[in-house]
């Protein structure tokens, strides 16, 4: 992961199963600013499931306060497992308690500070907070230092400054995993860049 942000953001991942339930929510990095060269491995993705990434803006202190036994999830307004068919009611929860609603974080309106790659409809503001593209070109201009895989950039502000570099990372896959675009955004061709 890499970041050019003023906020201490946490980065996580989840799966969306065949019926649209958001399951297996986990944090990859409690602080994306801590070590830009850090890597994480996403394992045990259920066959047929899709993955989505999320950030928690200003989430580092919160993430560091979690215990190993704490269970993350996304819930709806009834505190049931959130489903992609009801995107306006996707809220991050710890041990079944939704954040920002008298739960763990009272200082921030936490549901407004969680942004998703899976669908902009999951975001409280309804805005797109992610750009991505598959790139095999040398991104940093250093010969022989290619990044091969899906490059994802997050915007971490609700009043979007549209730099999409607040959380920046790339995803590489194993032979058993296939990228399937699920967004309405146009794919970049080899002559375009979002940087």
N, C-alpha and C. Protein backbone atom coordinates (compact mmCIF):
# COMPACT_ATOMS: atom_id res chain seq x y z
N UNK A 1 0.84 -1.18 0.00
CA UNK A 1 0.00 0.00 0.00
C UNK A 1 0.88 1.23 0.00
N UNK A 2 0.32 2.34 -0.43
CA UNK A 2 1.01 3.62 -0.44
C UNK A 2 -0.04 4.68 -0.23
N UNK A 3 0.37 5.86 0.19
CA UNK A 3 -0.62 6.90 0.45
C UNK A 3 0.02 8.26 0.35
N UNK A 4 -0.78 9.21 -0.11
CA UNK A 4 -0.39 10.61 -0.12
C UNK A 4 -1.55 11.36 0.52
N UNK A 5 -1.74 11.13 1.81
CA UNK A 5 -2.91 11.65 2.51
C UNK A 5 -2.50 12.33 3.79
N UNK A 6 -3.39 13.16 4.27
CA UNK A 6 -3.19 13.80 5.56
C UNK A 6 -3.86 13.02 6.68
N UNK A 7 -4.63 12.01 6.33
CA UNK A 7 -5.37 11.23 7.30
C UNK A 7 -4.70 9.88 7.52
N UNK A 8 -4.81 9.39 8.76
CA UNK A 8 -4.35 8.05 9.07
C UNK A 8 -5.49 7.08 8.77
N UNK A 9 -5.41 6.46 7.61
CA UNK A 9 -6.49 5.61 7.14
C UNK A 9 -6.18 4.13 7.34
N UNK A 10 -7.23 3.36 7.59
CA UNK A 10 -7.14 1.91 7.64
C UNK A 10 -7.70 1.36 6.33
N UNK A 11 -7.17 0.24 5.87
CA UNK A 11 -7.60 -0.40 4.63
C UNK A 11 -8.07 -1.81 4.92
N UNK A 12 -9.23 -2.16 4.38
CA UNK A 12 -9.78 -3.49 4.59
C UNK A 12 -10.32 -4.09 3.31
N UNK A 13 -10.78 -5.33 3.43
CA UNK A 13 -11.32 -6.07 2.30
C UNK A 13 -12.52 -6.89 2.80
N UNK A 14 -13.44 -7.19 1.90
CA UNK A 14 -14.56 -8.07 2.21
C UNK A 14 -14.93 -8.85 0.97
N UNK A 15 -15.78 -9.84 1.16
CA UNK A 15 -16.30 -10.61 0.05
C UNK A 15 -17.79 -10.32 -0.10
N UNK A 16 -18.27 -10.40 -1.33
CA UNK A 16 -19.70 -10.32 -1.62
C UNK A 16 -20.08 -11.68 -2.20
N UNK A 17 -20.95 -12.38 -1.48
CA UNK A 17 -21.27 -13.75 -1.90
C UNK A 17 -22.32 -13.77 -3.01
N UNK A 18 -22.70 -14.96 -3.42
CA UNK A 18 -23.61 -15.14 -4.55
C UNK A 18 -24.98 -14.52 -4.40
N UNK A 19 -25.42 -14.28 -3.17
CA UNK A 19 -26.72 -13.64 -2.95
C UNK A 19 -26.58 -12.16 -2.60
N UNK A 20 -25.33 -11.66 -2.63
CA UNK A 20 -25.09 -10.23 -2.40
C UNK A 20 -24.74 -9.86 -0.97
N UNK A 21 -24.68 -10.84 -0.06
CA UNK A 21 -24.31 -10.54 1.32
C UNK A 21 -22.83 -10.15 1.40
N UNK A 22 -22.53 -9.16 2.24
CA UNK A 22 -21.15 -8.72 2.47
C UNK A 22 -20.62 -9.52 3.64
N UNK A 23 -19.63 -10.35 3.36
CA UNK A 23 -19.14 -11.32 4.36
C UNK A 23 -17.61 -11.25 4.46
N UNK A 24 -17.08 -11.90 5.46
CA UNK A 24 -15.65 -12.07 5.67
C UNK A 24 -14.90 -10.73 5.62
N UNK A 25 -15.35 -9.79 6.43
CA UNK A 25 -14.76 -8.45 6.49
C UNK A 25 -13.50 -8.51 7.35
N UNK A 26 -12.41 -7.95 6.83
CA UNK A 26 -11.16 -7.95 7.59
C UNK A 26 -10.31 -6.75 7.21
N UNK A 27 -9.49 -6.33 8.13
CA UNK A 27 -8.55 -5.24 7.88
C UNK A 27 -7.26 -5.81 7.30
N UNK A 28 -6.71 -5.11 6.32
CA UNK A 28 -5.42 -5.47 5.76
C UNK A 28 -4.30 -4.66 6.40
N UNK A 29 -4.57 -3.36 6.60
CA UNK A 29 -3.60 -2.45 7.21
C UNK A 29 -4.32 -1.51 8.15
N UNK A 30 -3.87 -1.45 9.39
CA UNK A 30 -4.43 -0.49 10.34
C UNK A 30 -4.03 0.93 10.02
N UNK A 31 -2.87 1.10 9.39
CA UNK A 31 -2.36 2.43 9.05
C UNK A 31 -1.62 2.34 7.73
N UNK A 32 -2.22 2.87 6.66
CA UNK A 32 -1.59 2.78 5.35
C UNK A 32 -0.36 3.65 5.22
N UNK A 33 -0.17 4.60 6.13
CA UNK A 33 1.00 5.47 6.09
C UNK A 33 2.22 4.86 6.78
N UNK A 34 2.01 3.83 7.58
CA UNK A 34 3.07 3.29 8.43
C UNK A 34 4.23 2.71 7.63
N UNK A 35 3.93 1.87 6.64
CA UNK A 35 4.98 1.22 5.85
C UNK A 35 4.51 1.08 4.41
N UNK A 36 4.90 2.01 3.55
CA UNK A 36 4.45 1.98 2.16
C UNK A 36 4.85 0.72 1.39
N UNK A 37 5.84 -0.01 1.87
CA UNK A 37 6.26 -1.22 1.16
C UNK A 37 5.59 -2.47 1.71
N UNK A 38 4.71 -2.32 2.68
CA UNK A 38 4.05 -3.48 3.30
C UNK A 38 3.17 -4.21 2.29
N UNK A 39 3.05 -5.50 2.49
CA UNK A 39 2.18 -6.31 1.64
C UNK A 39 1.22 -7.10 2.52
N UNK A 40 0.13 -7.52 1.92
CA UNK A 40 -0.84 -8.37 2.60
C UNK A 40 -1.31 -9.43 1.61
N UNK A 41 -1.65 -10.57 2.12
CA UNK A 41 -2.17 -11.65 1.29
C UNK A 41 -3.62 -11.90 1.65
N UNK A 42 -4.46 -11.93 0.65
CA UNK A 42 -5.89 -12.22 0.85
C UNK A 42 -6.08 -13.68 0.49
N UNK A 43 -6.48 -14.47 1.48
CA UNK A 43 -6.62 -15.91 1.28
C UNK A 43 -8.05 -16.35 1.56
N UNK A 44 -8.33 -17.57 1.20
CA UNK A 44 -9.59 -18.23 1.51
C UNK A 44 -10.81 -17.50 0.98
N UNK A 45 -10.68 -16.87 -0.20
CA UNK A 45 -11.85 -16.26 -0.84
C UNK A 45 -12.72 -17.40 -1.37
N UNK A 46 -13.96 -17.39 -0.96
CA UNK A 46 -14.89 -18.45 -1.33
C UNK A 46 -15.11 -18.45 -2.85
N UNK A 47 -15.14 -19.64 -3.46
CA UNK A 47 -15.40 -19.74 -4.90
C UNK A 47 -16.68 -19.01 -5.27
N UNK A 48 -16.61 -18.20 -6.31
CA UNK A 48 -17.77 -17.46 -6.79
C UNK A 48 -17.99 -16.11 -6.12
N UNK A 49 -17.28 -15.84 -5.02
CA UNK A 49 -17.42 -14.55 -4.34
C UNK A 49 -16.61 -13.48 -5.05
N UNK A 50 -17.06 -12.25 -4.95
CA UNK A 50 -16.33 -11.10 -5.41
C UNK A 50 -15.70 -10.42 -4.20
N UNK A 51 -14.63 -9.64 -4.42
CA UNK A 51 -14.05 -8.91 -3.31
C UNK A 51 -14.23 -7.42 -3.52
N UNK A 52 -14.30 -6.72 -2.41
CA UNK A 52 -14.35 -5.27 -2.42
C UNK A 52 -13.41 -4.75 -1.35
N UNK A 53 -12.81 -3.61 -1.61
CA UNK A 53 -11.93 -2.98 -0.63
C UNK A 53 -12.65 -1.80 0.00
N UNK A 54 -12.22 -1.42 1.20
CA UNK A 54 -12.78 -0.26 1.87
C UNK A 54 -11.69 0.43 2.67
N UNK A 55 -11.87 1.73 2.87
CA UNK A 55 -10.99 2.45 3.78
C UNK A 55 -11.84 3.05 4.89
N UNK A 56 -11.22 3.21 6.04
CA UNK A 56 -11.82 3.95 7.14
C UNK A 56 -10.95 5.19 7.31
N UNK A 57 -11.47 6.33 6.91
CA UNK A 57 -10.74 7.58 7.03
C UNK A 57 -10.56 7.91 8.50
N UNK A 58 -9.37 8.30 8.87
CA UNK A 58 -9.03 8.57 10.27
C UNK A 58 -9.24 7.32 11.12
N UNK A 59 -9.07 6.16 10.52
CA UNK A 59 -9.40 4.91 11.20
C UNK A 59 -8.26 4.21 11.90
N UNK A 60 -7.06 4.76 11.83
CA UNK A 60 -5.91 4.06 12.41
C UNK A 60 -6.03 3.85 13.91
N UNK A 61 -6.36 4.88 14.67
CA UNK A 61 -6.49 4.73 16.12
C UNK A 61 -7.58 3.71 16.45
N UNK A 62 -8.69 3.81 15.75
CA UNK A 62 -9.78 2.85 15.95
C UNK A 62 -9.30 1.44 15.65
N UNK A 63 -8.64 1.25 14.51
CA UNK A 63 -8.18 -0.08 14.10
C UNK A 63 -7.17 -0.64 15.10
N UNK A 64 -6.29 0.22 15.59
CA UNK A 64 -5.30 -0.24 16.57
C UNK A 64 -5.93 -0.62 17.90
N UNK A 65 -7.13 -0.12 18.19
CA UNK A 65 -7.80 -0.43 19.44
C UNK A 65 -8.56 -1.76 19.40
N UNK A 66 -8.69 -2.34 18.22
CA UNK A 66 -9.41 -3.61 18.09
C UNK A 66 -8.60 -4.75 18.70
N UNK A 67 -9.32 -5.70 19.27
CA UNK A 67 -8.70 -6.91 19.78
C UNK A 67 -8.75 -7.99 18.70
N UNK A 68 -7.88 -8.99 18.81
CA UNK A 68 -7.84 -10.06 17.82
C UNK A 68 -9.17 -10.78 17.69
N UNK A 69 -9.93 -10.86 18.78
CA UNK A 69 -11.21 -11.58 18.73
C UNK A 69 -12.37 -10.73 18.23
N UNK A 70 -12.15 -9.41 18.02
CA UNK A 70 -13.22 -8.56 17.50
C UNK A 70 -13.57 -8.98 16.08
N UNK A 71 -14.86 -9.02 15.79
CA UNK A 71 -15.36 -9.46 14.49
C UNK A 71 -15.91 -8.26 13.73
N UNK A 72 -15.34 -7.99 12.57
CA UNK A 72 -15.83 -6.91 11.72
C UNK A 72 -16.91 -7.43 10.79
N UNK A 73 -17.87 -6.56 10.48
CA UNK A 73 -18.92 -6.91 9.53
C UNK A 73 -19.50 -5.62 8.97
N UNK A 74 -20.28 -5.76 7.93
CA UNK A 74 -21.10 -4.66 7.45
C UNK A 74 -22.54 -5.07 7.70
N UNK A 75 -23.30 -4.15 8.30
CA UNK A 75 -24.69 -4.44 8.67
C UNK A 75 -25.62 -3.42 8.03
N UNK A 76 -26.90 -3.79 7.98
CA UNK A 76 -27.92 -2.88 7.47
C UNK A 76 -28.58 -2.14 8.64
N UNK A 77 -29.68 -1.42 8.37
CA UNK A 77 -30.32 -0.63 9.42
C UNK A 77 -30.93 -1.47 10.53
N UNK A 78 -31.12 -2.78 10.28
CA UNK A 78 -31.63 -3.69 11.30
C UNK A 78 -30.52 -4.48 11.98
N UNK A 79 -29.27 -4.11 11.71
CA UNK A 79 -28.09 -4.79 12.23
C UNK A 79 -27.97 -6.23 11.73
N UNK A 80 -28.61 -6.52 10.59
CA UNK A 80 -28.44 -7.80 9.92
C UNK A 80 -27.31 -7.66 8.90
N UNK A 81 -26.83 -8.76 8.39
CA UNK A 81 -25.77 -8.72 7.38
C UNK A 81 -26.19 -7.85 6.21
N UNK A 82 -25.33 -6.87 5.88
CA UNK A 82 -25.63 -5.97 4.77
C UNK A 82 -25.61 -6.73 3.46
N UNK A 83 -26.44 -6.27 2.51
CA UNK A 83 -26.55 -6.90 1.21
C UNK A 83 -26.38 -5.84 0.13
N UNK A 84 -25.73 -6.20 -0.95
CA UNK A 84 -25.47 -5.25 -2.03
C UNK A 84 -26.74 -4.77 -2.72
N UNK A 85 -27.87 -5.45 -2.51
CA UNK A 85 -29.14 -5.00 -3.09
C UNK A 85 -29.75 -3.83 -2.32
N UNK A 86 -29.20 -3.53 -1.14
CA UNK A 86 -29.66 -2.41 -0.31
C UNK A 86 -28.45 -1.54 0.04
N UNK A 87 -27.86 -0.90 -0.98
CA UNK A 87 -26.56 -0.24 -0.77
C UNK A 87 -26.60 1.00 0.13
N UNK A 88 -27.74 1.62 0.29
CA UNK A 88 -27.80 2.82 1.12
C UNK A 88 -27.68 2.51 2.60
N UNK A 89 -27.77 1.25 2.96
CA UNK A 89 -27.76 0.87 4.37
C UNK A 89 -26.60 -0.05 4.71
N UNK A 90 -25.41 0.26 4.22
CA UNK A 90 -24.22 -0.53 4.49
C UNK A 90 -23.39 0.21 5.52
N UNK A 91 -23.30 -0.36 6.74
CA UNK A 91 -22.56 0.30 7.83
C UNK A 91 -21.56 -0.67 8.43
N UNK A 92 -20.36 -0.18 8.70
CA UNK A 92 -19.32 -0.98 9.34
C UNK A 92 -19.69 -1.23 10.79
N UNK A 93 -19.46 -2.46 11.24
CA UNK A 93 -19.79 -2.83 12.62
C UNK A 93 -18.66 -3.65 13.22
N UNK A 94 -18.54 -3.57 14.54
CA UNK A 94 -17.62 -4.41 15.30
C UNK A 94 -18.46 -5.22 16.27
N UNK A 95 -18.33 -6.53 16.19
CA UNK A 95 -19.10 -7.44 17.05
C UNK A 95 -20.60 -7.13 16.95
N UNK A 96 -21.04 -6.81 15.73
CA UNK A 96 -22.46 -6.57 15.46
C UNK A 96 -22.96 -5.18 15.80
N UNK A 97 -22.12 -4.31 16.36
CA UNK A 97 -22.53 -2.95 16.73
C UNK A 97 -22.04 -1.99 15.66
N UNK A 98 -22.99 -1.33 14.98
CA UNK A 98 -22.64 -0.39 13.92
C UNK A 98 -21.90 0.80 14.48
N UNK A 99 -20.86 1.22 13.79
CA UNK A 99 -20.06 2.36 14.23
C UNK A 99 -20.78 3.67 13.93
N UNK A 100 -20.56 4.66 14.78
CA UNK A 100 -21.14 5.98 14.56
C UNK A 100 -22.56 6.12 15.05
N UNK A 101 -23.10 5.10 15.65
CA UNK A 101 -24.47 5.15 16.13
C UNK A 101 -24.50 4.79 17.62
N UNK A 102 -23.74 5.57 18.41
CA UNK A 102 -23.65 5.28 19.83
C UNK A 102 -22.75 4.09 20.11
N UNK A 103 -22.03 3.68 19.09
CA UNK A 103 -21.15 2.52 19.22
C UNK A 103 -19.75 2.92 19.61
N UNK A 104 -18.80 2.34 18.96
CA UNK A 104 -17.41 2.46 19.36
C UNK A 104 -16.83 3.85 19.11
N UNK A 105 -17.13 4.45 17.99
CA UNK A 105 -16.56 5.76 17.67
C UNK A 105 -17.66 6.81 17.74
N UNK A 106 -17.63 7.65 18.76
CA UNK A 106 -18.63 8.70 18.91
C UNK A 106 -18.15 10.04 18.38
N UNK A 107 -16.83 10.19 18.22
CA UNK A 107 -16.27 11.48 17.82
C UNK A 107 -16.56 11.79 16.36
N UNK A 108 -16.54 10.78 15.51
CA UNK A 108 -16.72 10.96 14.07
C UNK A 108 -18.04 10.36 13.64
N UNK A 109 -18.58 10.88 12.55
CA UNK A 109 -19.71 10.22 11.90
C UNK A 109 -19.11 9.13 11.03
N UNK A 110 -18.82 7.99 11.64
CA UNK A 110 -17.98 6.98 11.01
C UNK A 110 -18.59 6.43 9.72
N UNK A 111 -19.91 6.33 9.65
CA UNK A 111 -20.49 5.77 8.43
C UNK A 111 -20.18 6.66 7.22
N UNK A 112 -19.92 7.94 7.44
CA UNK A 112 -19.55 8.83 6.35
C UNK A 112 -18.07 8.73 6.01
N UNK A 113 -17.31 8.07 6.86
CA UNK A 113 -15.87 8.00 6.68
C UNK A 113 -15.41 6.63 6.18
N UNK A 114 -16.34 5.76 5.83
CA UNK A 114 -16.00 4.47 5.25
C UNK A 114 -16.35 4.55 3.77
N UNK A 115 -15.34 4.32 2.94
CA UNK A 115 -15.54 4.39 1.49
C UNK A 115 -15.19 3.05 0.86
N UNK A 116 -15.96 2.68 -0.18
CA UNK A 116 -15.91 1.35 -0.77
C UNK A 116 -15.46 1.37 -2.22
N UNK A 117 -14.81 0.28 -2.62
CA UNK A 117 -14.47 0.09 -4.04
C UNK A 117 -15.57 -0.66 -4.77
N UNK A 118 -16.35 -1.46 -4.07
CA UNK A 118 -17.32 -2.35 -4.73
C UNK A 118 -18.41 -1.58 -5.45
N UNK A 119 -18.93 -0.53 -4.80
CA UNK A 119 -20.00 0.27 -5.39
C UNK A 119 -20.03 1.63 -4.72
N UNK A 120 -20.13 2.68 -5.52
CA UNK A 120 -20.25 4.02 -4.94
C UNK A 120 -21.56 4.16 -4.18
N UNK A 121 -22.54 3.33 -4.48
CA UNK A 121 -23.82 3.38 -3.76
C UNK A 121 -23.64 2.99 -2.29
N UNK A 122 -22.57 2.27 -1.94
CA UNK A 122 -22.30 1.93 -0.55
C UNK A 122 -21.83 3.14 0.24
N UNK A 123 -21.30 4.15 -0.44
CA UNK A 123 -20.76 5.32 0.23
C UNK A 123 -21.88 6.26 0.64
N UNK A 124 -21.80 6.78 1.85
CA UNK A 124 -22.84 7.66 2.39
C UNK A 124 -23.14 8.83 1.47
N UNK A 125 -22.09 9.38 0.84
CA UNK A 125 -22.29 10.52 -0.04
C UNK A 125 -22.68 10.12 -1.46
N UNK A 126 -22.69 8.82 -1.76
CA UNK A 126 -23.06 8.33 -3.08
C UNK A 126 -22.04 8.62 -4.16
N UNK A 127 -20.89 9.16 -3.78
CA UNK A 127 -19.87 9.54 -4.75
C UNK A 127 -18.86 8.41 -4.94
N UNK A 128 -18.25 8.42 -6.10
CA UNK A 128 -17.17 7.48 -6.39
C UNK A 128 -15.93 7.91 -5.63
N UNK A 129 -15.35 6.99 -4.87
CA UNK A 129 -14.14 7.28 -4.10
C UNK A 129 -12.96 6.41 -4.52
N UNK A 130 -13.11 5.71 -5.65
CA UNK A 130 -12.08 4.79 -6.10
C UNK A 130 -11.94 4.88 -7.61
N UNK A 131 -10.69 4.86 -8.06
CA UNK A 131 -10.40 4.61 -9.46
C UNK A 131 -9.48 3.40 -9.51
N UNK A 132 -9.55 2.66 -10.60
CA UNK A 132 -8.69 1.49 -10.72
C UNK A 132 -8.44 1.22 -12.20
N UNK A 133 -7.40 0.50 -12.43
CA UNK A 133 -7.07 0.10 -13.79
C UNK A 133 -6.01 -0.98 -13.76
N UNK A 134 -6.01 -1.78 -14.77
CA UNK A 134 -5.00 -2.82 -14.89
C UNK A 134 -3.85 -2.25 -15.69
N UNK A 135 -2.66 -2.30 -15.14
CA UNK A 135 -1.52 -1.64 -15.75
C UNK A 135 -0.30 -2.53 -15.68
N UNK A 136 0.34 -2.73 -16.81
CA UNK A 136 1.60 -3.47 -16.82
C UNK A 136 2.76 -2.55 -17.18
N UNK A 137 2.48 -1.27 -17.36
CA UNK A 137 3.53 -0.31 -17.68
C UNK A 137 4.29 0.08 -16.44
N UNK A 138 5.47 0.62 -16.64
CA UNK A 138 6.30 1.11 -15.56
C UNK A 138 5.68 2.38 -15.01
N UNK A 139 5.12 2.34 -13.80
CA UNK A 139 4.36 3.47 -13.28
C UNK A 139 5.21 4.58 -12.71
N UNK A 140 6.40 4.25 -12.23
CA UNK A 140 7.18 5.28 -11.56
C UNK A 140 8.37 5.77 -12.38
N UNK A 141 8.51 5.33 -13.61
CA UNK A 141 9.58 5.80 -14.47
C UNK A 141 10.92 5.14 -14.24
N UNK A 142 11.02 4.24 -13.28
CA UNK A 142 12.27 3.53 -13.03
C UNK A 142 12.30 2.25 -13.84
N UNK A 143 13.24 2.16 -14.74
CA UNK A 143 13.32 1.01 -15.62
C UNK A 143 13.44 -0.28 -14.81
N UNK A 144 12.67 -1.27 -15.20
CA UNK A 144 12.74 -2.56 -14.54
C UNK A 144 11.95 -2.64 -13.25
N UNK A 145 11.16 -1.64 -12.93
CA UNK A 145 10.38 -1.64 -11.69
C UNK A 145 8.90 -1.59 -12.03
N UNK A 146 8.43 -2.59 -12.77
CA UNK A 146 7.05 -2.60 -13.22
C UNK A 146 6.10 -3.08 -12.14
N UNK A 147 4.92 -2.56 -12.14
CA UNK A 147 3.85 -3.03 -11.28
C UNK A 147 2.86 -3.74 -12.18
N UNK A 148 2.69 -5.01 -11.97
CA UNK A 148 1.80 -5.81 -12.78
C UNK A 148 0.60 -6.19 -11.94
N UNK A 149 -0.56 -5.73 -12.31
CA UNK A 149 -1.76 -6.06 -11.56
C UNK A 149 -2.75 -4.93 -11.59
N UNK A 150 -3.75 -5.05 -10.78
CA UNK A 150 -4.78 -4.04 -10.66
C UNK A 150 -4.30 -2.94 -9.73
N UNK A 151 -4.30 -1.70 -10.19
CA UNK A 151 -3.90 -0.56 -9.37
C UNK A 151 -5.18 0.13 -8.91
N UNK A 152 -5.27 0.38 -7.60
CA UNK A 152 -6.47 0.97 -6.99
C UNK A 152 -6.07 2.22 -6.23
N UNK A 153 -6.78 3.30 -6.47
CA UNK A 153 -6.55 4.55 -5.75
C UNK A 153 -7.82 5.01 -5.08
N UNK A 154 -7.75 5.33 -3.79
CA UNK A 154 -8.90 5.79 -3.01
C UNK A 154 -8.82 7.29 -2.77
N UNK A 155 -9.95 7.94 -2.80
CA UNK A 155 -10.14 9.32 -2.34
C UNK A 155 -10.73 9.23 -0.94
N UNK A 156 -10.10 9.89 0.04
CA UNK A 156 -10.53 9.70 1.43
C UNK A 156 -11.33 10.86 2.00
N UNK A 157 -11.81 11.75 1.15
CA UNK A 157 -12.59 12.87 1.66
C UNK A 157 -13.98 12.87 1.04
N UNK A 158 -14.96 13.20 1.86
CA UNK A 158 -16.32 13.28 1.36
C UNK A 158 -16.51 14.50 0.47
N UNK A 159 -15.84 15.59 0.82
CA UNK A 159 -15.84 16.76 -0.06
C UNK A 159 -14.67 16.58 -1.02
N UNK A 160 -14.87 15.70 -1.96
CA UNK A 160 -13.85 15.10 -2.80
C UNK A 160 -12.92 16.13 -3.44
N UNK A 161 -11.60 15.97 -3.20
CA UNK A 161 -10.62 16.77 -3.92
C UNK A 161 -10.14 16.03 -5.17
N UNK A 162 -10.66 14.82 -5.35
CA UNK A 162 -10.45 14.03 -6.57
C UNK A 162 -9.01 13.74 -6.91
N UNK A 163 -8.14 13.59 -5.91
CA UNK A 163 -6.78 13.20 -6.25
C UNK A 163 -6.62 11.67 -6.31
N UNK A 164 -7.51 10.94 -5.66
CA UNK A 164 -7.54 9.47 -5.70
C UNK A 164 -6.17 8.85 -5.42
N UNK A 165 -5.37 9.50 -4.59
CA UNK A 165 -4.08 8.94 -4.21
C UNK A 165 -3.90 8.92 -2.70
N UNK A 166 -5.00 9.04 -1.99
CA UNK A 166 -4.92 9.04 -0.53
C UNK A 166 -4.58 7.65 0.00
N UNK A 167 -5.08 6.63 -0.64
CA UNK A 167 -4.66 5.26 -0.40
C UNK A 167 -4.47 4.66 -1.79
N UNK A 168 -3.27 4.23 -2.06
CA UNK A 168 -2.91 3.72 -3.39
C UNK A 168 -2.22 2.38 -3.22
N UNK A 169 -2.72 1.35 -3.92
CA UNK A 169 -2.12 0.03 -3.80
C UNK A 169 -2.35 -0.76 -5.07
N UNK A 170 -1.62 -1.83 -5.22
CA UNK A 170 -1.85 -2.71 -6.36
C UNK A 170 -2.12 -4.12 -5.87
N UNK A 171 -2.89 -4.83 -6.68
CA UNK A 171 -3.31 -6.18 -6.35
C UNK A 171 -2.81 -7.10 -7.45
N UNK A 172 -2.10 -8.13 -7.07
CA UNK A 172 -1.71 -9.16 -8.01
C UNK A 172 -2.46 -10.42 -7.64
N UNK A 173 -2.59 -11.32 -8.58
CA UNK A 173 -3.43 -12.50 -8.36
C UNK A 173 -2.65 -13.78 -8.56
N UNK A 174 -3.26 -14.85 -8.07
CA UNK A 174 -2.76 -16.19 -8.35
C UNK A 174 -3.48 -16.69 -9.58
N UNK A 175 -3.09 -17.84 -10.07
CA UNK A 175 -3.73 -18.40 -11.26
C UNK A 175 -5.21 -18.72 -11.04
N UNK A 176 -5.61 -18.92 -9.79
CA UNK A 176 -6.99 -19.31 -9.50
C UNK A 176 -7.93 -18.13 -9.37
N UNK A 177 -7.43 -16.92 -9.50
CA UNK A 177 -8.23 -15.72 -9.28
C UNK A 177 -8.30 -14.92 -10.57
N UNK A 178 -9.48 -14.40 -10.91
CA UNK A 178 -9.66 -13.66 -12.15
C UNK A 178 -10.30 -12.32 -11.84
N UNK A 179 -9.79 -11.24 -12.46
CA UNK A 179 -10.42 -9.93 -12.33
C UNK A 179 -11.63 -9.86 -13.24
N UNK A 180 -12.75 -9.44 -12.68
CA UNK A 180 -13.96 -9.19 -13.46
C UNK A 180 -14.43 -7.80 -13.11
N UNK A 181 -14.32 -6.83 -14.03
CA UNK A 181 -14.77 -5.46 -13.71
C UNK A 181 -16.26 -5.45 -13.37
N UNK A 182 -16.62 -4.71 -12.30
CA UNK A 182 -18.02 -4.65 -11.89
C UNK A 182 -18.52 -3.22 -11.80
N UNK A 183 -17.79 -2.27 -12.32
CA UNK A 183 -18.18 -0.88 -12.20
C UNK A 183 -18.65 -0.32 -13.52
N UNK A 184 -19.40 0.76 -13.44
CA UNK A 184 -19.89 1.42 -14.64
C UNK A 184 -18.83 2.32 -15.26
N UNK A 185 -17.74 2.57 -14.51
CA UNK A 185 -16.70 3.47 -14.99
C UNK A 185 -16.00 2.86 -16.20
N UNK A 186 -15.59 3.70 -17.15
CA UNK A 186 -14.91 3.17 -18.34
C UNK A 186 -13.55 2.62 -17.97
N UNK A 187 -13.16 1.57 -18.66
CA UNK A 187 -11.83 1.01 -18.46
C UNK A 187 -10.82 1.89 -19.17
N UNK A 188 -9.63 2.03 -18.59
CA UNK A 188 -8.58 2.81 -19.22
C UNK A 188 -7.89 1.96 -20.28
N UNK A 189 -7.58 2.57 -21.42
CA UNK A 189 -6.78 1.83 -22.38
C UNK A 189 -5.31 2.12 -22.12
N UNK A 190 -4.43 1.52 -22.89
CA UNK A 190 -2.99 1.60 -22.61
C UNK A 190 -2.42 3.00 -22.79
N UNK A 191 -3.17 3.93 -23.38
CA UNK A 191 -2.67 5.29 -23.57
C UNK A 191 -3.15 6.23 -22.48
N UNK A 192 -4.04 5.77 -21.59
CA UNK A 192 -4.61 6.62 -20.55
C UNK A 192 -4.02 6.28 -19.20
N UNK A 193 -4.13 7.22 -18.29
CA UNK A 193 -3.65 7.02 -16.93
C UNK A 193 -4.53 7.81 -15.98
N UNK A 194 -4.69 7.32 -14.75
CA UNK A 194 -5.43 8.08 -13.77
C UNK A 194 -4.51 8.74 -12.78
N UNK A 195 -3.21 8.72 -13.01
CA UNK A 195 -2.25 9.37 -12.13
C UNK A 195 -1.97 10.76 -12.61
